[in-house]
Amino acid sequence: MLPRSAITVARFSGTNGNAQLIEKTEITGNLHTQFEAALRFIRRYVDLAIERPSKSSVASDSAAKPRSNYHLNAVIEAVANAIVHRDLAIRDILTRVVIYDDSIEFINARRTNGFAPPAYKAIRYGITQRLNPQIAAIFSRPEYGTHLPEGGLPMVLREAHAFSGRRAEVYTSNDEFKLKLYGS
C-alpha cells in the first residue's frame, strides 16, 4: 500500500561503504514483515544484548575479530524509527540499514529543506517530529504486536552510549537522516 516503502539491508566487510559487500537484500511487504525481517538480518551479523558482555567472554588472542555487540533495545527502536519516520514523499532515497564491522547505520529519507535546526535538536530530547502519525500509532500500540521499548531516540542514544562507550551519531544532510550506532 505504501510506494517506496522497501528497506535495503546490507553487510559490508570493513568500516565504511568502500569495503567489500558481503550480503545485500531488499525487504518488502507489510510494515511488520519489514520490521521483523530487518531484525533477523541484523541478528545474523551482530550480537544483541541488554547488558554489555564482559571482556573475559571475548577471546582477545583470536586472529579473527569477534562480532560486534549492540544494545538490543537501541537496535529495535532504531529499526522501528527507520520504518515509522521515513519521508515517503522523497522517491529516490530508500530506507537503508548498513552493517559494518564496528557500527550499524540507519539511513532514512528526510527532507532537510525546511527541517529547522531547532527541530533537528529537539528530536534528541524526545520531542517527536512525526511525518507519519498513523504508521507511528501502529508501532506504538501493543495490540499490533511489535512490543517496542519505551523512550524513543533519547533512549537509543543513552543506551547505545552506555553499552559501547561511544556516542551514537545523528545527522541530517542531502535529504537523509542518519543514525550510527557503534558496537562494543
N, C-alpha and C. Protein backbone atom coordinates (compact mmCIF):
# COMPACT_ATOMS: atom_id res chain seq x y z
N MET A 1 0.80 -1.20 0.00
CA MET A 1 0.00 0.00 0.00
C MET A 1 0.85 1.27 0.00
N LEU A 2 2.07 1.16 0.49
CA LEU A 2 2.92 2.34 0.57
C LEU A 2 4.02 2.26 -0.49
N PRO A 3 3.95 3.12 -1.49
CA PRO A 3 5.01 3.10 -2.50
C PRO A 3 6.34 3.51 -1.89
N ARG A 4 7.40 2.99 -2.43
CA ARG A 4 8.76 3.32 -1.99
C ARG A 4 8.99 2.99 -0.51
N SER A 5 8.36 1.92 -0.03
CA SER A 5 8.49 1.62 1.39
C SER A 5 9.39 0.43 1.68
N ALA A 6 10.15 -0.02 0.71
CA ALA A 6 11.05 -1.14 0.94
C ALA A 6 12.25 -0.69 1.77
N ILE A 7 12.89 -1.65 2.40
CA ILE A 7 14.10 -1.39 3.17
C ILE A 7 15.23 -2.18 2.54
N THR A 8 16.36 -1.53 2.32
CA THR A 8 17.55 -2.23 1.85
C THR A 8 18.46 -2.46 3.04
N VAL A 9 18.84 -3.71 3.26
CA VAL A 9 19.77 -4.05 4.34
C VAL A 9 21.02 -4.63 3.71
N ALA A 10 22.17 -4.24 4.26
CA ALA A 10 23.44 -4.69 3.69
C ALA A 10 24.47 -4.89 4.78
N ARG A 11 25.39 -5.82 4.52
CA ARG A 11 26.53 -6.07 5.42
C ARG A 11 27.81 -5.90 4.62
N PHE A 12 28.68 -5.02 5.11
CA PHE A 12 29.98 -4.78 4.48
C PHE A 12 31.08 -5.33 5.37
N SER A 13 32.14 -5.83 4.76
CA SER A 13 33.30 -6.34 5.48
C SER A 13 34.31 -5.21 5.60
N GLY A 14 34.13 -4.37 6.56
CA GLY A 14 35.01 -3.22 6.76
C GLY A 14 34.30 -2.19 7.59
N THR A 15 34.86 -0.99 7.62
CA THR A 15 34.30 0.06 8.47
C THR A 15 33.62 1.18 7.70
N ASN A 16 33.51 1.04 6.36
CA ASN A 16 32.80 2.06 5.59
C ASN A 16 32.26 1.44 4.30
N GLY A 17 31.54 2.22 3.53
CA GLY A 17 30.90 1.75 2.32
C GLY A 17 31.85 1.36 1.20
N ASN A 18 33.13 1.68 1.33
CA ASN A 18 34.11 1.29 0.32
C ASN A 18 34.60 -0.14 0.51
N ALA A 19 34.20 -0.77 1.59
CA ALA A 19 34.62 -2.15 1.87
C ALA A 19 33.82 -3.12 1.01
N GLN A 20 34.24 -4.39 1.07
CA GLN A 20 33.58 -5.42 0.26
C GLN A 20 32.18 -5.72 0.79
N LEU A 21 31.24 -5.79 -0.14
CA LEU A 21 29.86 -6.12 0.20
C LEU A 21 29.76 -7.63 0.43
N ILE A 22 29.22 -8.01 1.57
CA ILE A 22 29.04 -9.43 1.89
C ILE A 22 27.65 -9.90 1.47
N GLU A 23 26.64 -9.14 1.88
CA GLU A 23 25.26 -9.50 1.54
C GLU A 23 24.42 -8.25 1.50
N LYS A 24 23.49 -8.23 0.55
CA LYS A 24 22.57 -7.11 0.43
C LYS A 24 21.23 -7.66 -0.03
N THR A 25 20.16 -7.19 0.59
CA THR A 25 18.83 -7.63 0.20
C THR A 25 17.83 -6.50 0.38
N GLU A 26 16.77 -6.57 -0.37
CA GLU A 26 15.68 -5.59 -0.25
C GLU A 26 14.51 -6.27 0.42
N ILE A 27 14.01 -5.64 1.46
CA ILE A 27 12.90 -6.19 2.23
C ILE A 27 11.63 -5.46 1.83
N THR A 28 10.64 -6.21 1.39
CA THR A 28 9.34 -5.65 1.04
C THR A 28 8.28 -6.34 1.88
N GLY A 29 7.07 -5.90 1.73
CA GLY A 29 5.96 -6.49 2.47
C GLY A 29 5.33 -5.48 3.39
N ASN A 30 4.47 -5.97 4.28
CA ASN A 30 3.82 -5.04 5.20
C ASN A 30 4.82 -4.55 6.24
N LEU A 31 4.43 -3.57 7.04
CA LEU A 31 5.35 -2.92 7.97
C LEU A 31 5.93 -3.89 8.99
N HIS A 32 5.10 -4.78 9.50
CA HIS A 32 5.59 -5.74 10.50
C HIS A 32 6.56 -6.75 9.87
N THR A 33 6.27 -7.16 8.67
CA THR A 33 7.18 -8.08 7.97
C THR A 33 8.53 -7.41 7.76
N GLN A 34 8.53 -6.14 7.36
CA GLN A 34 9.78 -5.41 7.17
C GLN A 34 10.54 -5.28 8.49
N PHE A 35 9.83 -4.96 9.54
CA PHE A 35 10.43 -4.81 10.87
C PHE A 35 11.11 -6.11 11.30
N GLU A 36 10.39 -7.20 11.24
CA GLU A 36 10.91 -8.50 11.67
C GLU A 36 12.05 -8.98 10.77
N ALA A 37 11.93 -8.80 9.46
CA ALA A 37 12.98 -9.23 8.53
C ALA A 37 14.26 -8.41 8.72
N ALA A 38 14.13 -7.12 8.97
CA ALA A 38 15.31 -6.28 9.21
C ALA A 38 16.02 -6.73 10.49
N LEU A 39 15.26 -7.02 11.55
CA LEU A 39 15.88 -7.50 12.78
C LEU A 39 16.55 -8.86 12.59
N ARG A 40 15.95 -9.75 11.82
CA ARG A 40 16.57 -11.06 11.55
C ARG A 40 17.90 -10.87 10.81
N PHE A 41 17.91 -9.98 9.83
CA PHE A 41 19.14 -9.71 9.08
C PHE A 41 20.23 -9.17 10.01
N ILE A 42 19.88 -8.23 10.85
CA ILE A 42 20.85 -7.64 11.79
C ILE A 42 21.38 -8.72 12.73
N ARG A 43 20.49 -9.55 13.26
CA ARG A 43 20.92 -10.61 14.20
C ARG A 43 21.85 -11.62 13.54
N ARG A 44 21.76 -11.77 12.24
CA ARG A 44 22.63 -12.70 11.54
C ARG A 44 24.10 -12.24 11.60
N TYR A 45 24.33 -10.93 11.73
CA TYR A 45 25.68 -10.41 11.67
C TYR A 45 26.21 -9.78 12.96
N VAL A 46 25.35 -9.49 13.92
CA VAL A 46 25.80 -8.89 15.17
C VAL A 46 25.11 -9.58 16.34
N ASP A 47 25.65 -9.37 17.53
CA ASP A 47 25.05 -9.90 18.75
C ASP A 47 24.31 -8.76 19.44
N LEU A 48 23.08 -9.04 19.86
CA LEU A 48 22.26 -8.06 20.55
C LEU A 48 22.04 -8.53 21.99
N ALA A 49 22.21 -7.62 22.95
CA ALA A 49 22.04 -7.98 24.35
C ALA A 49 21.58 -6.75 25.13
N ILE A 50 21.00 -7.00 26.28
CA ILE A 50 20.59 -5.91 27.16
C ILE A 50 21.79 -5.40 27.96
N GLU A 51 22.66 -6.32 28.39
CA GLU A 51 23.84 -5.94 29.16
C GLU A 51 25.09 -6.22 28.35
N ARG A 52 26.05 -5.35 28.49
CA ARG A 52 27.31 -5.47 27.77
C ARG A 52 28.06 -6.72 28.24
N PRO A 53 28.54 -7.54 27.30
CA PRO A 53 29.29 -8.73 27.72
C PRO A 53 30.62 -8.33 28.38
N SER A 54 31.06 -9.15 29.30
CA SER A 54 32.32 -8.85 29.99
C SER A 54 33.49 -9.06 29.04
N LYS A 55 34.58 -8.41 29.33
CA LYS A 55 35.78 -8.52 28.49
C LYS A 55 36.30 -9.95 28.47
N SER A 56 36.14 -10.68 29.58
CA SER A 56 36.67 -12.05 29.64
C SER A 56 35.91 -13.00 28.73
N SER A 57 34.66 -12.67 28.36
CA SER A 57 33.90 -13.55 27.49
C SER A 57 34.29 -13.41 26.02
N VAL A 58 35.10 -12.41 25.71
CA VAL A 58 35.56 -12.18 24.34
C VAL A 58 37.01 -12.65 24.23
N ALA A 59 37.26 -13.54 23.30
CA ALA A 59 38.62 -14.05 23.12
C ALA A 59 39.50 -12.97 22.52
N SER A 60 40.49 -12.51 23.28
CA SER A 60 41.35 -11.42 22.80
C SER A 60 42.53 -11.93 21.98
N ASP A 61 42.87 -13.21 22.08
CA ASP A 61 44.02 -13.72 21.36
C ASP A 61 43.65 -14.31 20.00
N SER A 62 42.41 -14.21 19.63
CA SER A 62 41.94 -14.76 18.36
C SER A 62 42.44 -13.92 17.19
N ALA A 63 42.76 -14.58 16.09
CA ALA A 63 43.20 -13.87 14.89
C ALA A 63 42.05 -13.15 14.21
N ALA A 64 40.86 -13.71 14.34
CA ALA A 64 39.67 -13.09 13.74
C ALA A 64 39.02 -12.14 14.73
N LYS A 65 38.54 -11.03 14.23
CA LYS A 65 37.86 -10.06 15.09
C LYS A 65 36.48 -10.60 15.45
N PRO A 66 36.11 -10.56 16.73
CA PRO A 66 34.79 -11.07 17.12
C PRO A 66 33.67 -10.17 16.61
N ARG A 67 32.47 -10.73 16.60
CA ARG A 67 31.29 -9.95 16.19
C ARG A 67 31.08 -8.79 17.15
N SER A 68 30.54 -7.71 16.63
CA SER A 68 30.23 -6.56 17.48
C SER A 68 28.97 -6.83 18.28
N ASN A 69 28.89 -6.22 19.45
CA ASN A 69 27.72 -6.31 20.32
C ASN A 69 27.03 -4.97 20.35
N TYR A 70 25.69 -5.02 20.37
CA TYR A 70 24.89 -3.80 20.41
C TYR A 70 23.77 -3.97 21.42
N HIS A 71 23.30 -2.85 21.95
CA HIS A 71 22.19 -2.89 22.90
C HIS A 71 20.92 -3.28 22.16
N LEU A 72 20.26 -4.31 22.64
CA LEU A 72 19.07 -4.87 21.99
C LEU A 72 17.98 -3.83 21.80
N ASN A 73 17.60 -3.13 22.86
CA ASN A 73 16.50 -2.16 22.76
C ASN A 73 16.84 -0.99 21.86
N ALA A 74 18.11 -0.57 21.84
CA ALA A 74 18.52 0.53 20.97
C ALA A 74 18.35 0.14 19.51
N VAL A 75 18.73 -1.07 19.17
CA VAL A 75 18.62 -1.52 17.77
C VAL A 75 17.16 -1.72 17.38
N ILE A 76 16.36 -2.31 18.27
CA ILE A 76 14.93 -2.50 17.97
C ILE A 76 14.26 -1.15 17.72
N GLU A 77 14.52 -0.18 18.58
CA GLU A 77 13.92 1.15 18.42
C GLU A 77 14.43 1.83 17.16
N ALA A 78 15.70 1.66 16.83
CA ALA A 78 16.25 2.28 15.62
C ALA A 78 15.60 1.71 14.36
N VAL A 79 15.36 0.40 14.33
CA VAL A 79 14.69 -0.22 13.18
C VAL A 79 13.25 0.29 13.09
N ALA A 80 12.55 0.33 14.21
CA ALA A 80 11.17 0.84 14.21
C ALA A 80 11.12 2.29 13.76
N ASN A 81 12.05 3.11 14.24
CA ASN A 81 12.08 4.52 13.84
C ASN A 81 12.35 4.66 12.35
N ALA A 82 13.21 3.81 11.81
CA ALA A 82 13.50 3.87 10.37
C ALA A 82 12.24 3.59 9.56
N ILE A 83 11.42 2.68 10.03
CA ILE A 83 10.18 2.35 9.31
C ILE A 83 9.12 3.43 9.51
N VAL A 84 8.96 3.87 10.73
CA VAL A 84 7.88 4.80 11.07
C VAL A 84 8.13 6.21 10.56
N HIS A 85 9.35 6.69 10.65
CA HIS A 85 9.63 8.10 10.39
C HIS A 85 10.23 8.39 9.02
N ARG A 86 10.14 7.45 8.11
CA ARG A 86 10.68 7.71 6.78
C ARG A 86 9.79 8.69 6.02
N ASP A 87 10.40 9.50 5.22
CA ASP A 87 9.69 10.50 4.44
C ASP A 87 9.30 9.87 3.10
N LEU A 88 8.07 9.44 2.99
CA LEU A 88 7.61 8.72 1.80
C LEU A 88 7.42 9.63 0.59
N ALA A 89 7.51 10.94 0.78
CA ALA A 89 7.37 11.86 -0.35
C ALA A 89 8.64 11.93 -1.19
N ILE A 90 9.76 11.53 -0.62
CA ILE A 90 11.02 11.52 -1.36
C ILE A 90 11.16 10.17 -2.03
N ARG A 91 11.15 10.17 -3.36
CA ARG A 91 11.10 8.87 -4.04
C ARG A 91 12.44 8.25 -4.35
N ASP A 92 13.51 9.00 -4.39
CA ASP A 92 14.80 8.45 -4.81
C ASP A 92 15.68 7.93 -3.67
N ILE A 93 15.32 8.19 -2.43
CA ILE A 93 16.14 7.77 -1.30
C ILE A 93 15.39 6.69 -0.53
N LEU A 94 15.95 5.51 -0.53
CA LEU A 94 15.33 4.39 0.16
C LEU A 94 15.82 4.31 1.60
N THR A 95 15.03 3.66 2.44
CA THR A 95 15.46 3.38 3.80
C THR A 95 16.51 2.28 3.73
N ARG A 96 17.63 2.51 4.44
CA ARG A 96 18.72 1.55 4.41
C ARG A 96 19.22 1.27 5.83
N VAL A 97 19.60 0.01 6.05
CA VAL A 97 20.30 -0.40 7.26
C VAL A 97 21.60 -1.01 6.77
N VAL A 98 22.72 -0.44 7.20
CA VAL A 98 24.02 -0.88 6.73
C VAL A 98 24.85 -1.31 7.94
N ILE A 99 25.33 -2.55 7.89
CA ILE A 99 26.13 -3.10 8.98
C ILE A 99 27.58 -3.14 8.54
N TYR A 100 28.44 -2.52 9.35
CA TYR A 100 29.88 -2.57 9.14
C TYR A 100 30.50 -3.39 10.27
N ASP A 101 31.80 -3.56 10.26
CA ASP A 101 32.47 -4.33 11.30
C ASP A 101 32.30 -3.72 12.68
N ASP A 102 32.24 -2.40 12.76
CA ASP A 102 32.20 -1.73 14.06
C ASP A 102 30.98 -0.86 14.30
N SER A 103 30.03 -0.84 13.36
CA SER A 103 28.87 0.04 13.52
C SER A 103 27.70 -0.42 12.66
N ILE A 104 26.54 0.14 12.98
CA ILE A 104 25.33 -0.04 12.17
C ILE A 104 24.79 1.35 11.86
N GLU A 105 24.48 1.60 10.59
CA GLU A 105 23.88 2.87 10.19
C GLU A 105 22.44 2.64 9.75
N PHE A 106 21.56 3.51 10.24
CA PHE A 106 20.16 3.52 9.84
C PHE A 106 19.96 4.81 9.06
N ILE A 107 19.62 4.71 7.79
CA ILE A 107 19.53 5.87 6.91
C ILE A 107 18.13 5.95 6.34
N ASN A 108 17.54 7.12 6.45
CA ASN A 108 16.18 7.36 6.04
C ASN A 108 16.07 8.60 5.19
N ALA A 109 15.09 8.61 4.32
CA ALA A 109 14.78 9.84 3.60
C ALA A 109 14.15 10.83 4.56
N ARG A 110 14.62 12.05 4.54
CA ARG A 110 14.07 13.11 5.40
C ARG A 110 14.38 14.43 4.74
N ARG A 111 13.35 15.17 4.38
CA ARG A 111 13.58 16.47 3.74
C ARG A 111 14.36 17.37 4.69
N THR A 112 15.53 17.81 4.25
CA THR A 112 16.32 18.70 5.09
C THR A 112 15.98 20.16 4.80
N ASN A 113 15.42 20.45 3.61
CA ASN A 113 14.98 21.80 3.30
C ASN A 113 13.73 22.08 4.13
N GLY A 114 13.81 23.01 5.05
CA GLY A 114 12.69 23.32 5.91
C GLY A 114 12.72 22.57 7.23
N PHE A 115 13.65 21.63 7.39
CA PHE A 115 13.81 20.91 8.66
C PHE A 115 14.73 21.78 9.51
N ALA A 116 14.13 22.63 10.29
CA ALA A 116 14.86 23.65 11.03
C ALA A 116 15.81 23.05 12.06
N PRO A 117 16.96 23.71 12.28
CA PRO A 117 17.90 23.22 13.29
C PRO A 117 17.28 23.00 14.67
N PRO A 118 16.34 23.87 15.13
CA PRO A 118 15.72 23.57 16.43
C PRO A 118 14.95 22.24 16.42
N ALA A 119 14.29 21.93 15.32
CA ALA A 119 13.56 20.66 15.23
C ALA A 119 14.54 19.49 15.22
N TYR A 120 15.65 19.65 14.54
CA TYR A 120 16.68 18.62 14.50
C TYR A 120 17.22 18.35 15.90
N LYS A 121 17.46 19.41 16.66
CA LYS A 121 17.95 19.25 18.03
C LYS A 121 16.87 18.71 18.95
N ALA A 122 15.62 19.06 18.71
CA ALA A 122 14.53 18.64 19.58
C ALA A 122 14.34 17.14 19.59
N ILE A 123 14.56 16.46 18.46
CA ILE A 123 14.35 15.02 18.42
C ILE A 123 15.32 14.28 19.33
N ARG A 124 16.48 14.86 19.59
CA ARG A 124 17.43 14.23 20.51
C ARG A 124 16.88 14.17 21.93
N TYR A 125 15.96 15.07 22.25
CA TYR A 125 15.40 15.14 23.60
C TYR A 125 14.00 14.55 23.69
N GLY A 126 13.60 13.83 22.66
CA GLY A 126 12.33 13.12 22.72
C GLY A 126 11.13 13.89 22.23
N ILE A 127 11.33 15.07 21.67
CA ILE A 127 10.21 15.83 21.11
C ILE A 127 10.00 15.31 19.70
N THR A 128 8.90 14.62 19.51
CA THR A 128 8.68 13.92 18.25
C THR A 128 8.45 14.87 17.09
N GLN A 129 8.91 14.43 15.94
CA GLN A 129 8.72 15.13 14.68
C GLN A 129 8.09 14.13 13.72
N ARG A 130 6.89 13.71 13.98
CA ARG A 130 6.27 12.62 13.23
C ARG A 130 5.79 13.07 11.86
N LEU A 131 6.29 12.38 10.85
CA LEU A 131 5.82 12.60 9.49
C LEU A 131 4.60 11.73 9.20
N ASN A 132 4.55 10.57 9.83
CA ASN A 132 3.52 9.57 9.56
C ASN A 132 2.83 9.16 10.86
N PRO A 133 1.94 9.98 11.38
CA PRO A 133 1.34 9.66 12.68
C PRO A 133 0.51 8.37 12.69
N GLN A 134 -0.10 8.01 11.57
CA GLN A 134 -0.88 6.77 11.54
C GLN A 134 0.04 5.56 11.63
N ILE A 135 1.15 5.58 10.92
CA ILE A 135 2.11 4.49 10.98
C ILE A 135 2.72 4.43 12.38
N ALA A 136 3.03 5.57 12.96
CA ALA A 136 3.59 5.61 14.31
C ALA A 136 2.61 5.00 15.31
N ALA A 137 1.31 5.23 15.11
CA ALA A 137 0.30 4.67 16.01
C ALA A 137 0.30 3.15 15.95
N ILE A 138 0.51 2.59 14.77
CA ILE A 138 0.55 1.14 14.64
C ILE A 138 1.71 0.57 15.45
N PHE A 139 2.86 1.20 15.37
CA PHE A 139 4.03 0.66 16.06
C PHE A 139 4.03 0.97 17.55
N SER A 140 3.27 1.93 18.01
CA SER A 140 3.27 2.27 19.43
C SER A 140 2.20 1.52 20.22
N ARG A 141 1.30 0.85 19.56
CA ARG A 141 0.22 0.13 20.25
C ARG A 141 0.59 -1.34 20.43
N PRO A 142 0.54 -1.85 21.66
CA PRO A 142 0.89 -3.25 21.89
C PRO A 142 -0.07 -4.23 21.22
N GLU A 143 -1.27 -3.79 20.91
CA GLU A 143 -2.24 -4.67 20.26
C GLU A 143 -1.78 -5.11 18.87
N TYR A 144 -0.91 -4.36 18.26
CA TYR A 144 -0.42 -4.71 16.92
C TYR A 144 0.76 -5.68 16.97
N GLY A 145 1.30 -5.95 18.16
CA GLY A 145 2.29 -6.99 18.32
C GLY A 145 3.74 -6.63 18.15
N THR A 146 4.09 -5.36 18.11
CA THR A 146 5.51 -5.03 17.91
C THR A 146 6.30 -5.03 19.22
N HIS A 147 5.68 -4.70 20.33
CA HIS A 147 6.32 -4.71 21.66
C HIS A 147 7.65 -3.95 21.64
N LEU A 148 7.57 -2.68 21.32
CA LEU A 148 8.76 -1.84 21.24
C LEU A 148 9.16 -1.34 22.62
N PRO A 149 10.46 -1.09 22.82
CA PRO A 149 10.90 -0.49 24.08
C PRO A 149 10.44 0.95 24.16
N GLU A 150 10.33 1.46 25.36
CA GLU A 150 9.89 2.84 25.58
C GLU A 150 11.10 3.78 25.56
N GLY A 151 10.90 5.00 25.11
CA GLY A 151 11.94 6.01 25.24
C GLY A 151 12.38 6.69 23.97
N GLY A 152 12.08 6.12 22.82
CA GLY A 152 12.39 6.77 21.56
C GLY A 152 13.88 7.02 21.34
N LEU A 153 14.19 8.04 20.54
CA LEU A 153 15.57 8.34 20.20
C LEU A 153 16.43 8.68 21.42
N PRO A 154 15.92 9.40 22.42
CA PRO A 154 16.77 9.65 23.60
C PRO A 154 17.23 8.34 24.26
N MET A 155 16.35 7.34 24.33
CA MET A 155 16.73 6.05 24.89
C MET A 155 17.78 5.39 24.02
N VAL A 156 17.62 5.44 22.71
CA VAL A 156 18.59 4.85 21.79
C VAL A 156 19.96 5.47 22.02
N LEU A 157 20.02 6.79 22.07
CA LEU A 157 21.30 7.48 22.26
C LEU A 157 21.92 7.14 23.61
N ARG A 158 21.12 7.14 24.66
CA ARG A 158 21.61 6.87 26.01
C ARG A 158 22.13 5.43 26.13
N GLU A 159 21.31 4.46 25.72
CA GLU A 159 21.67 3.05 25.88
C GLU A 159 22.83 2.65 24.97
N ALA A 160 22.86 3.16 23.76
CA ALA A 160 23.96 2.85 22.84
C ALA A 160 25.28 3.37 23.39
N HIS A 161 25.26 4.58 23.96
CA HIS A 161 26.48 5.15 24.54
C HIS A 161 26.93 4.36 25.76
N ALA A 162 26.00 4.02 26.63
CA ALA A 162 26.34 3.24 27.83
C ALA A 162 26.86 1.86 27.46
N PHE A 163 26.33 1.28 26.40
CA PHE A 163 26.70 -0.08 26.02
C PHE A 163 28.06 -0.14 25.33
N SER A 164 28.31 0.78 24.41
CA SER A 164 29.54 0.71 23.62
C SER A 164 30.65 1.64 24.12
N GLY A 165 30.29 2.63 24.91
CA GLY A 165 31.28 3.61 25.34
C GLY A 165 31.53 4.70 24.31
N ARG A 166 30.81 4.66 23.20
CA ARG A 166 30.92 5.68 22.15
C ARG A 166 29.56 6.30 21.90
N ARG A 167 29.54 7.59 21.68
CA ARG A 167 28.29 8.29 21.40
C ARG A 167 27.78 7.92 20.02
N ALA A 168 26.50 7.66 19.94
CA ALA A 168 25.87 7.42 18.64
C ALA A 168 25.85 8.75 17.88
N GLU A 169 25.92 8.67 16.57
CA GLU A 169 25.91 9.87 15.74
C GLU A 169 24.55 10.03 15.09
N VAL A 170 24.03 11.24 15.14
CA VAL A 170 22.77 11.58 14.48
C VAL A 170 23.05 12.81 13.62
N TYR A 171 22.75 12.70 12.33
CA TYR A 171 22.96 13.86 11.48
C TYR A 171 22.02 13.81 10.28
N THR A 172 21.78 14.99 9.72
CA THR A 172 20.95 15.11 8.53
C THR A 172 21.74 15.84 7.46
N SER A 173 21.63 15.36 6.24
CA SER A 173 22.24 16.04 5.10
C SER A 173 21.70 15.41 3.83
N ASN A 174 21.65 16.19 2.77
CA ASN A 174 21.22 15.71 1.46
C ASN A 174 19.90 14.93 1.51
N ASP A 175 18.94 15.46 2.23
CA ASP A 175 17.62 14.83 2.39
C ASP A 175 17.69 13.44 3.00
N GLU A 176 18.66 13.22 3.88
CA GLU A 176 18.77 11.96 4.60
C GLU A 176 18.94 12.22 6.10
N PHE A 177 18.33 11.35 6.89
CA PHE A 177 18.51 11.33 8.34
C PHE A 177 19.32 10.07 8.63
N LYS A 178 20.43 10.23 9.35
CA LYS A 178 21.30 9.06 9.62
C LYS A 178 21.51 8.92 11.12
N LEU A 179 21.42 7.68 11.56
CA LEU A 179 21.73 7.31 12.92
C LEU A 179 22.79 6.22 12.85
N LYS A 180 23.91 6.45 13.53
CA LYS A 180 25.01 5.49 13.51
C LYS A 180 25.27 5.02 14.93
N LEU A 181 25.10 3.71 15.16
CA LEU A 181 25.37 3.10 16.45
C LEU A 181 26.69 2.35 16.36
N TYR A 182 27.51 2.49 17.38
CA TYR A 182 28.80 1.81 17.42
C TYR A 182 28.70 0.56 18.29
N GLY A 183 29.39 -0.48 17.88
CA GLY A 183 29.41 -1.73 18.63
C GLY A 183 30.49 -1.73 19.69
N SER A 184 30.38 -2.70 20.57
CA SER A 184 31.42 -2.83 21.61
C SER A 184 32.25 -4.06 21.34
